[in-house]
Amino acid sequence: MGKKTPPAPPSPSPAEGALFVRLPADAVDRLRRASEALGMRKKDLVAGLVSRYVDPDSRQGLTALGSLAGHRMGGSGASDAGVARGSYSFQPYDPPEVMNAGQAAAFLQIEEAAVLEMAEAGRLPGRRLPGGWRFSRAALVAWLSVPGSP
């Protein structure tokens, strides 16, 4: 006699999306206990919390969420052990219209020595001035758009 195969879990409806997160053990336990006490699925509890407390369309809602995340991320408790965290600044890089060799290198994402070498050889549009090489952002963009540019 073979074992009965349990029925497959229901497929999520098209109006649902998947979310896979790792939570601190105490948060998982609290969510489990609330789920059992209320007789609700954990996903319904989380969806209700997000619907009620997460407002990404208002500055006030984002500020409140940011302060919550900032408080959480700033902690150095035992639950943070071994967790690597980073940050990213969402400030756009807007290079000046006229760049020196270092700025041109950053703009082109190459080494400054390569910029100077190419400029000296006449392979990169720029001008040697008394203070060093200067490069026009528009000229560099045009140079990049020409097929076969070295």
Protein backbone atom coordinates (compact mmCIF):
# COMPACT_ATOMS: atom_id res chain seq x y z
CA MET A 1 0.00 0.00 0.00
CA GLY A 2 1.36 3.37 -1.01
CA LYS A 3 1.26 6.51 1.03
CA LYS A 4 -1.28 9.15 0.21
CA THR A 5 0.25 12.19 -1.40
CA PRO A 6 -0.86 15.36 0.36
CA PRO A 7 -2.68 17.85 -1.83
CA ALA A 8 -0.54 20.57 -3.37
CA PRO A 9 -0.84 23.96 -1.70
CA PRO A 10 -3.12 26.34 -3.54
CA SER A 11 -1.43 28.48 -6.16
CA PRO A 12 -1.33 32.17 -5.35
CA SER A 13 -3.89 34.22 -7.17
CA PRO A 14 -2.65 36.62 -9.86
CA ALA A 15 -3.29 39.46 -7.38
CA GLU A 16 -0.71 38.02 -4.96
CA GLY A 17 3.07 38.24 -4.97
CA ALA A 18 5.73 36.30 -3.13
CA LEU A 19 7.76 37.71 -0.25
CA PHE A 20 10.57 35.75 1.32
CA VAL A 21 12.21 37.38 4.34
CA ARG A 22 14.43 36.40 7.23
CA LEU A 23 13.25 37.84 10.52
CA PRO A 24 14.81 37.84 13.96
CA ALA A 25 13.71 34.75 15.93
CA ASP A 26 11.77 36.82 18.47
CA ALA A 27 9.77 38.49 15.67
CA VAL A 28 9.01 35.09 14.11
CA ASP A 29 7.83 33.80 17.47
CA ARG A 30 5.61 36.85 18.06
CA LEU A 31 4.08 36.49 14.61
CA ARG A 32 3.45 32.78 15.16
CA ARG A 33 1.83 33.39 18.56
CA ALA A 34 -0.38 36.16 17.17
CA SER A 35 -1.39 33.94 14.26
CA GLU A 36 -2.38 31.13 16.61
CA ALA A 37 -4.19 33.41 19.06
CA LEU A 38 -6.21 35.08 16.32
CA GLY A 39 -6.71 31.96 14.23
CA MET A 40 -5.33 33.81 11.20
CA ARG A 41 -2.69 32.91 8.67
CA LYS A 42 0.64 34.70 9.12
CA LYS A 43 0.48 36.00 5.56
CA ASP A 44 -2.87 37.65 6.30
CA LEU A 45 -1.44 39.28 9.43
CA VAL A 46 1.55 40.61 7.52
CA ALA A 47 -0.63 41.84 4.64
CA GLY A 48 -2.87 43.64 7.12
CA LEU A 49 0.08 45.28 8.84
CA VAL A 50 1.57 46.42 5.53
CA SER A 51 -1.81 47.74 4.34
CA ARG A 52 -2.31 49.66 7.55
CA TYR A 53 1.16 50.97 8.31
CA VAL A 54 3.16 51.14 5.07
CA ASP A 55 2.46 54.24 2.99
CA PRO A 56 5.17 54.64 0.33
CA ASP A 57 3.19 57.40 -1.40
CA SER A 58 3.47 60.01 1.34
CA ARG A 59 6.54 61.74 2.73
CA GLN A 60 5.18 61.25 6.28
CA GLY A 61 4.72 57.52 5.71
CA LEU A 62 8.21 57.11 4.28
CA THR A 63 9.73 59.17 7.09
CA ALA A 64 8.03 56.99 9.69
CA LEU A 65 9.23 53.81 7.96
CA GLY A 66 12.73 55.22 7.53
CA SER A 67 13.01 56.08 11.21
CA LEU A 68 11.85 52.57 12.10
CA ALA A 69 14.39 51.00 9.77
CA GLY A 70 17.09 53.41 10.93
CA HIS A 71 16.45 52.49 14.55
CA ARG A 72 16.52 48.78 13.73
CA MET A 73 19.62 48.98 11.56
CA GLY A 74 21.47 51.15 14.06
CA GLY A 75 21.25 48.51 16.77
CA SER A 76 24.12 46.26 17.59
CA GLY A 77 22.37 43.59 19.57
CA ALA A 78 23.04 39.87 19.55
CA SER A 79 20.63 39.36 16.66
CA ASP A 80 22.92 41.53 14.48
CA ALA A 81 25.94 39.26 14.93
CA GLY A 82 27.44 38.18 11.63
CA VAL A 83 25.08 40.32 9.55
CA ALA A 84 26.76 42.48 6.92
CA ARG A 85 25.00 45.72 6.16
CA GLY A 86 25.69 48.45 3.68
CA SER A 87 24.16 51.64 2.51
CA TYR A 88 23.71 53.47 -0.74
CA SER A 89 23.25 57.13 -1.40
CA PHE A 90 20.67 57.92 -4.05
CA GLN A 91 22.25 61.25 -4.96
CA PRO A 92 22.73 61.52 -8.71
CA TYR A 93 26.21 62.14 -10.07
CA ASP A 94 26.09 65.23 -12.23
CA PRO A 95 29.54 65.83 -13.73
CA PRO A 96 30.47 69.39 -14.66
CA GLU A 97 30.39 70.56 -18.27
CA VAL A 98 34.19 70.94 -18.25
CA MET A 99 36.16 68.22 -16.44
CA ASN A 100 39.76 67.71 -15.43
CA ALA A 101 41.47 64.36 -16.08
CA GLY A 102 40.32 62.82 -12.80
CA GLN A 103 36.70 63.82 -13.37
CA ALA A 104 36.84 62.60 -16.97
CA ALA A 105 38.25 59.28 -15.75
CA ALA A 106 35.41 58.91 -13.25
CA PHE A 107 32.90 59.87 -15.95
CA LEU A 108 34.32 57.30 -18.38
CA GLN A 109 34.86 54.76 -15.58
CA ILE A 110 38.50 54.20 -16.48
CA GLU A 111 41.84 54.99 -14.85
CA GLU A 112 43.06 58.60 -14.92
CA ALA A 113 46.37 57.43 -16.44
CA ALA A 114 44.45 55.97 -19.39
CA VAL A 115 42.62 59.27 -19.91
CA LEU A 116 45.90 61.18 -19.96
CA GLU A 117 47.54 58.65 -22.27
CA MET A 118 44.63 58.74 -24.74
CA ALA A 119 44.46 62.55 -24.63
CA GLU A 120 48.22 62.87 -25.25
CA ALA A 121 47.90 60.51 -28.23
CA GLY A 122 44.97 62.50 -29.66
CA ARG A 123 42.55 59.57 -29.26
CA LEU A 124 40.36 61.35 -26.68
CA PRO A 125 38.83 64.80 -27.28
CA GLY A 126 40.32 67.32 -24.88
CA ARG A 127 42.49 70.42 -24.58
CA ARG A 128 45.79 70.86 -22.81
CA LEU A 129 45.61 74.11 -20.83
CA PRO A 130 48.13 75.69 -18.45
CA GLY A 131 46.49 73.91 -15.48
CA GLY A 132 46.37 70.50 -17.18
CA TRP A 133 43.98 68.69 -19.49
CA ARG A 134 40.32 69.71 -19.72
CA PHE A 135 37.53 67.66 -21.26
CA SER A 136 34.07 68.68 -22.41
CA ARG A 137 31.34 66.37 -21.14
CA ALA A 138 29.41 66.81 -24.43
CA ALA A 139 32.54 65.98 -26.46
CA LEU A 140 33.17 62.84 -24.38
CA VAL A 141 29.57 61.70 -24.83
CA ALA A 142 29.80 62.31 -28.59
CA TRP A 143 33.14 60.45 -28.70
CA LEU A 144 31.58 57.50 -26.87
CA SER A 145 28.71 57.33 -29.36
CA VAL A 146 31.00 56.88 -32.38
CA PRO A 147 31.46 53.19 -33.18
CA GLY A 148 35.07 52.06 -33.13
CA SER A 149 36.22 54.61 -30.53
CA PRO A 150 39.17 53.11 -28.67
